[in-house]
Amino acid sequence: MAKISSPSFVLSLELKKNPLLFSVAFDELEICRAMYNTILSQYLKLEKQMKREKRYKNLFVN
């Protein structure tokens, strides 16, 4: 069955070149990337630990 899609639009704006602005934005994006990876890593470890528990296996694994 084909997926129904809705109209999509993309707005592109040209930014004024400001090295300080790009430097700050790059630094903030790098911090966000590091936070995301750290949080994801911790979540995956906890998920793996949870799935090894007997109680989880009794509830969800048949």
PDB file of N, CA and C in Angstrom:
ATOM      1  N   MET A   1       0.844  -1.178   0.000  1.00  0.00           N
ATOM      2  CA  MET A   1       0.000   0.000   0.000  1.00  0.00           C
ATOM      3  C   MET A   1       0.888   1.240   0.000  1.00  0.00           C
ATOM      4  N   ALA A   2       0.612   2.177  -0.881  1.00  0.00           N
ATOM      5  CA  ALA A   2       1.425   3.381  -1.021  1.00  0.00           C
ATOM      6  C   ALA A   2       1.183   4.329   0.155  1.00  0.00           C
ATOM      7  N   LYS A   3       2.245   4.975   0.563  1.00  0.00           N
ATOM      8  CA  LYS A   3       2.154   5.937   1.660  1.00  0.00           C
ATOM      9  C   LYS A   3       1.608   7.254   1.114  1.00  0.00           C
ATOM     10  N   ILE A   4       0.616   7.806   1.791  1.00  0.00           N
ATOM     11  CA  ILE A   4       0.040   9.078   1.380  1.00  0.00           C
ATOM     12  C   ILE A   4       0.950  10.187   1.872  1.00  0.00           C
ATOM     13  N   SER A   5       1.339  11.076   0.970  1.00  0.00           N
ATOM     14  CA  SER A   5       2.230  12.161   1.375  1.00  0.00           C
ATOM     15  C   SER A   5       1.502  13.489   1.299  1.00  0.00           C
ATOM     16  N   SER A   6       1.881  14.369   2.179  1.00  0.00           N
ATOM     17  CA  SER A   6       1.297  15.698   2.176  1.00  0.00           C
ATOM     18  C   SER A   6       2.264  16.654   1.481  1.00  0.00           C
ATOM     19  N   PRO A   7       1.783  17.788   1.026  1.00  0.00           N
ATOM     20  CA  PRO A   7       2.670  18.736   0.355  1.00  0.00           C
ATOM     21  C   PRO A   7       3.789  19.187   1.299  1.00  0.00           C
ATOM     22  N   SER A   8       4.984  19.301   0.780  1.00  0.00           N
ATOM     23  CA  SER A   8       6.128  19.742   1.570  1.00  0.00           C
ATOM     24  C   SER A   8       6.735  20.970   0.917  1.00  0.00           C
ATOM     25  N   PHE A   9       7.267  21.847   1.737  1.00  0.00           N
ATOM     26  CA  PHE A   9       7.858  23.071   1.242  1.00  0.00           C
ATOM     27  C   PHE A   9       9.198  23.286   1.934  1.00  0.00           C
ATOM     28  N   VAL A  10      10.142  23.868   1.210  1.00  0.00           N
ATOM     29  CA  VAL A  10      11.459  24.168   1.759  1.00  0.00           C
ATOM     30  C   VAL A  10      11.724  25.652   1.552  1.00  0.00           C
ATOM     31  N   LEU A  11      12.116  26.335   2.618  1.00  0.00           N
ATOM     32  CA  LEU A  11      12.458  27.750   2.537  1.00  0.00           C
ATOM     33  C   LEU A  11      13.960  27.874   2.681  1.00  0.00           C
ATOM     34  N   SER A  12      14.594  28.469   1.701  1.00  0.00           N
ATOM     35  CA  SER A  12      16.048  28.676   1.749  1.00  0.00           C
ATOM     36  C   SER A  12      16.317  30.166   1.850  1.00  0.00           C
ATOM     37  N   LEU A  13      17.096  30.533   2.840  1.00  0.00           N
ATOM     38  CA  LEU A  13      17.463  31.938   3.020  1.00  0.00           C
ATOM     39  C   LEU A  13      18.976  32.059   2.985  1.00  0.00           C
ATOM     40  N   GLU A  14      19.462  33.110   2.374  1.00  0.00           N
ATOM     41  CA  GLU A  14      20.896  33.342   2.334  1.00  0.00           C
ATOM     42  C   GLU A  14      21.290  34.080   3.609  1.00  0.00           C
ATOM     43  N   LEU A  15      22.306  33.560   4.284  1.00  0.00           N
ATOM     44  CA  LEU A  15      22.786  34.193   5.509  1.00  0.00           C
ATOM     45  C   LEU A  15      23.916  35.160   5.187  1.00  0.00           C
ATOM     46  N   LYS A  16      23.940  36.243   5.928  1.00  0.00           N
ATOM     47  CA  LYS A  16      25.066  37.161   5.791  1.00  0.00           C
ATOM     48  C   LYS A  16      26.291  36.481   6.377  1.00  0.00           C
ATOM     49  N   LYS A  17      27.407  36.590   5.706  1.00  0.00           N
ATOM     50  CA  LYS A  17      28.619  35.929   6.168  1.00  0.00           C
ATOM     51  C   LYS A  17      29.200  36.689   7.359  1.00  0.00           C
ATOM     52  N   ASN A  18      29.156  36.021   8.504  1.00  0.00           N
ATOM     53  CA  ASN A  18      29.706  36.580   9.729  1.00  0.00           C
ATOM     54  C   ASN A  18      30.495  35.463  10.398  1.00  0.00           C
ATOM     55  N   PRO A  19      31.819  35.519  10.317  1.00  0.00           N
ATOM     56  CA  PRO A  19      32.636  34.423  10.851  1.00  0.00           C
ATOM     57  C   PRO A  19      32.368  34.133  12.330  1.00  0.00           C
ATOM     58  N   LEU A  20      32.120  35.157  13.118  1.00  0.00           N
ATOM     59  CA  LEU A  20      31.857  34.954  14.548  1.00  0.00           C
ATOM     60  C   LEU A  20      30.563  34.178  14.745  1.00  0.00           C
ATOM     61  N   LEU A  21      29.533  34.525  13.983  1.00  0.00           N
ATOM     62  CA  LEU A  21      28.249  33.837  14.083  1.00  0.00           C
ATOM     63  C   LEU A  21      28.393  32.365  13.702  1.00  0.00           C
ATOM     64  N   PHE A  22      29.103  32.090  12.610  1.00  0.00           N
ATOM     65  CA  PHE A  22      29.302  30.709  12.186  1.00  0.00           C
ATOM     66  C   PHE A  22      30.133  29.937  13.201  1.00  0.00           C
ATOM     67  N   SER A  23      31.113  30.588  13.810  1.00  0.00           N
ATOM     68  CA  SER A  23      31.955  29.940  14.812  1.00  0.00           C
ATOM     69  C   SER A  23      31.122  29.543  16.035  1.00  0.00           C
ATOM     70  N   VAL A  24      30.281  30.451  16.492  1.00  0.00           N
ATOM     71  CA  VAL A  24      29.427  30.177  17.654  1.00  0.00           C
ATOM     72  C   VAL A  24      28.434  29.067  17.319  1.00  0.00           C
ATOM     73  N   ALA A  25      27.816  29.142  16.145  1.00  0.00           N
ATOM     74  CA  ALA A  25      26.844  28.120  15.744  1.00  0.00           C
ATOM     75  C   ALA A  25      27.522  26.762  15.633  1.00  0.00           C
ATOM     76  N   PHE A  26      28.703  26.712  15.043  1.00  0.00           N
ATOM     77  CA  PHE A  26      29.421  25.453  14.907  1.00  0.00           C
ATOM     78  C   PHE A  26      29.746  24.866  16.272  1.00  0.00           C
ATOM     79  N   ASP A  27      30.221  25.710  17.199  1.00  0.00           N
ATOM     80  CA  ASP A  27      30.559  25.235  18.546  1.00  0.00           C
ATOM     81  C   ASP A  27      29.324  24.682  19.259  1.00  0.00           C
ATOM     82  N   GLU A  28      28.199  25.376  19.135  1.00  0.00           N
ATOM     83  CA  GLU A  28      26.976  24.911  19.793  1.00  0.00           C
ATOM     84  C   GLU A  28      26.479  23.603  19.185  1.00  0.00           C
ATOM     85  N   LEU A  29      26.573  23.475  17.875  1.00  0.00           N
ATOM     86  CA  LEU A  29      26.168  22.219  17.236  1.00  0.00           C
ATOM     87  C   LEU A  29      27.087  21.075  17.643  1.00  0.00           C
ATOM     88  N   GLU A  30      28.355  21.349  17.810  1.00  0.00           N
ATOM     89  CA  GLU A  30      29.303  20.322  18.246  1.00  0.00           C
ATOM     90  C   GLU A  30      28.980  19.863  19.673  1.00  0.00           C
ATOM     91  N   ILE A  31      28.623  20.797  20.542  1.00  0.00           N
ATOM     92  CA  ILE A  31      28.233  20.453  21.910  1.00  0.00           C
ATOM     93  C   ILE A  31      26.972  19.598  21.890  1.00  0.00           C
ATOM     94  N   CYS A  32      25.998  19.977  21.070  1.00  0.00           N
ATOM     95  CA  CYS A  32      24.754  19.199  20.956  1.00  0.00           C
ATOM     96  C   CYS A  32      25.030  17.792  20.437  1.00  0.00           C
ATOM     97  N   ARG A  33      25.930  17.667  19.466  1.00  0.00           N
ATOM     98  CA  ARG A  33      26.272  16.350  18.919  1.00  0.00           C
ATOM     99  C   ARG A  33      26.906  15.473  19.992  1.00  0.00           C
ATOM    100  N   ALA A  34      27.806  16.050  20.772  1.00  0.00           N
ATOM    101  CA  ALA A  34      28.468  15.287  21.836  1.00  0.00           C
ATOM    102  C   ALA A  34      27.455  14.855  22.900  1.00  0.00           C
ATOM    103  N   MET A  35      26.532  15.755  23.262  1.00  0.00           N
ATOM    104  CA  MET A  35      25.502  15.415  24.241  1.00  0.00           C
ATOM    105  C   MET A  35      24.604  14.300  23.723  1.00  0.00           C
ATOM    106  N   TYR A  36      24.189  14.403  22.465  1.00  0.00           N
ATOM    107  CA  TYR A  36      23.327  13.391  21.859  1.00  0.00           C
ATOM    108  C   TYR A  36      24.002  12.023  21.890  1.00  0.00           C
ATOM    109  N   ASN A  37      25.261  11.981  21.478  1.00  0.00           N
ATOM    110  CA  ASN A  37      25.976  10.705  21.437  1.00  0.00           C
ATOM    111  C   ASN A  37      26.148  10.114  22.831  1.00  0.00           C
ATOM    112  N   THR A  38      26.423  10.952  23.821  1.00  0.00           N
ATOM    113  CA  THR A  38      26.576  10.473  25.192  1.00  0.00           C
ATOM    114  C   THR A  38      25.267   9.910  25.729  1.00  0.00           C
ATOM    115  N   ILE A  39      24.188  10.637  25.522  1.00  0.00           N
ATOM    116  CA  ILE A  39      22.878  10.197  26.002  1.00  0.00           C
ATOM    117  C   ILE A  39      22.453   8.914  25.299  1.00  0.00           C
ATOM    118  N   LEU A  40      22.664   8.845  23.987  1.00  0.00           N
ATOM    119  CA  LEU A  40      22.307   7.643  23.235  1.00  0.00           C
ATOM    120  C   LEU A  40      23.103   6.441  23.723  1.00  0.00           C
ATOM    121  N   SER A  41      24.377   6.626  23.972  1.00  0.00           N
ATOM    122  CA  SER A  41      25.223   5.544  24.464  1.00  0.00           C
ATOM    123  C   SER A  41      24.721   5.027  25.811  1.00  0.00           C
ATOM    124  N   GLN A  42      24.394   5.933  26.721  1.00  0.00           N
ATOM    125  CA  GLN A  42      23.891   5.530  28.028  1.00  0.00           C
ATOM    126  C   GLN A  42      22.554   4.802  27.903  1.00  0.00           C
ATOM    127  N   TYR A  43      21.678   5.302  27.037  1.00  0.00           N
ATOM    128  CA  TYR A  43      20.384   4.647  26.835  1.00  0.00           C
ATOM    129  C   TYR A  43      20.567   3.228  26.313  1.00  0.00           C
ATOM    130  N   LEU A  44      21.446   3.057  25.321  1.00  0.00           N
ATOM    131  CA  LEU A  44      21.643   1.732  24.743  1.00  0.00           C
ATOM    132  C   LEU A  44      22.218   0.755  25.763  1.00  0.00           C
ATOM    133  N   LYS A  45      23.102   1.224  26.632  1.00  0.00           N
ATOM    134  CA  LYS A  45      23.645   0.366  27.685  1.00  0.00           C
ATOM    135  C   LYS A  45      22.540  -0.073  28.646  1.00  0.00           C
ATOM    136  N   LEU A  46      21.692   0.884  29.048  1.00  0.00           N
ATOM    137  CA  LEU A  46      20.598   0.555  29.964  1.00  0.00           C
ATOM    138  C   LEU A  46      19.590  -0.385  29.314  1.00  0.00           C
ATOM    139  N   GLU A  47      19.321  -0.163  28.039  1.00  0.00           N
ATOM    140  CA  GLU A  47      18.379  -1.044  27.327  1.00  0.00           C
ATOM    141  C   GLU A  47      18.926  -2.470  27.259  1.00  0.00           C
ATOM    142  N   LYS A  48      20.193  -2.604  26.953  1.00  0.00           N
ATOM    143  CA  LYS A  48      20.810  -3.930  26.865  1.00  0.00           C
ATOM    144  C   LYS A  48      20.765  -4.628  28.226  1.00  0.00           C
ATOM    145  N   GLN A  49      21.054  -3.859  29.282  1.00  0.00           N
ATOM    146  CA  GLN A  49      21.019  -4.409  30.640  1.00  0.00           C
ATOM    147  C   GLN A  49      19.603  -4.841  31.000  1.00  0.00           C
ATOM    148  N   MET A  50      18.611  -4.026  30.646  1.00  0.00           N
ATOM    149  CA  MET A  50      17.220  -4.340  30.956  1.00  0.00           C
ATOM    150  C   MET A  50      16.784  -5.623  30.241  1.00  0.00           C
ATOM    151  N   LYS A  51      17.183  -5.778  28.987  1.00  0.00           N
ATOM    152  CA  LYS A  51      16.763  -6.945  28.215  1.00  0.00           C
ATOM    153  C   LYS A  51      17.405  -8.231  28.713  1.00  0.00           C
ATOM    154  N   ARG A  52      18.486  -8.140  29.476  1.00  0.00           N
ATOM    155  CA  ARG A  52      19.116  -9.332  30.030  1.00  0.00           C
ATOM    156  C   ARG A  52      18.429  -9.805  31.313  1.00  0.00           C
ATOM    157  N   GLU A  53      17.600  -8.958  31.907  1.00  0.00           N
ATOM    158  CA  GLU A  53      16.962  -9.306  33.175  1.00  0.00           C
ATOM    159  C   GLU A  53      15.857 -10.340  32.982  1.00  0.00           C
ATOM    160  N   LYS A  54      15.757 -11.224  33.949  1.00  0.00           N
ATOM    161  CA  LYS A  54      14.790 -12.318  33.913  1.00  0.00           C
ATOM    162  C   LYS A  54      13.357 -11.785  33.873  1.00  0.00           C
ATOM    163  N   ARG A  55      13.104 -10.743  34.640  1.00  0.00           N
ATOM    164  CA  ARG A  55      11.751 -10.183  34.706  1.00  0.00           C
ATOM    165  C   ARG A  55      11.302  -9.668  33.332  1.00  0.00           C
ATOM    166  N   TYR A  56      12.199  -9.005  32.620  1.00  0.00           N
ATOM    167  CA  TYR A  56      11.880  -8.509  31.284  1.00  0.00           C
ATOM    168  C   TYR A  56      11.591  -9.666  30.336  1.00  0.00           C
ATOM    169  N   LYS A  57      12.419 -10.684  30.394  1.00  0.00           N
ATOM    170  CA  LYS A  57      12.234 -11.837  29.514  1.00  0.00           C
ATOM    171  C   LYS A  57      10.904 -12.509  29.783  1.00  0.00           C
ATOM    172  N   ASN A  58      10.511 -12.604  31.041  1.00  0.00           N
ATOM    173  CA  ASN A  58       9.223 -13.214  31.380  1.00  0.00           C
ATOM    174  C   ASN A  58       8.054 -12.411  30.845  1.00  0.00           C
ATOM    175  N   LEU A  59       8.197 -11.096  30.822  1.00  0.00           N
ATOM    176  CA  LEU A  59       7.101 -10.235  30.369  1.00  0.00           C
ATOM    177  C   LEU A  59       7.010 -10.142  28.852  1.00  0.00           C
ATOM    178  N   PHE A  60       8.150 -10.024  28.159  1.00  0.00           N
ATOM    179  CA  PHE A  60       8.114  -9.662  26.751  1.00  0.00           C
ATOM    180  C   PHE A  60       8.632 -10.728  25.792  1.00  0.00           C
ATOM    181  N   VAL A  61       9.375 -11.682  26.254  1.00  0.00           N
ATOM    182  CA  VAL A  61       9.919 -12.699  25.352  1.00  0.00           C
ATOM    183  C   VAL A  61       9.121 -13.984  25.550  1.00  0.00           C
ATOM    184  N   ASN A  62       8.542 -14.474  24.500  1.00  0.00           N
ATOM    185  CA  ASN A  62       7.721 -15.687  24.609  1.00  0.00           C
ATOM    186  C   ASN A  62       8.496 -16.892  24.197  1.00  0.00           C
TER     187      ASN A  62
END
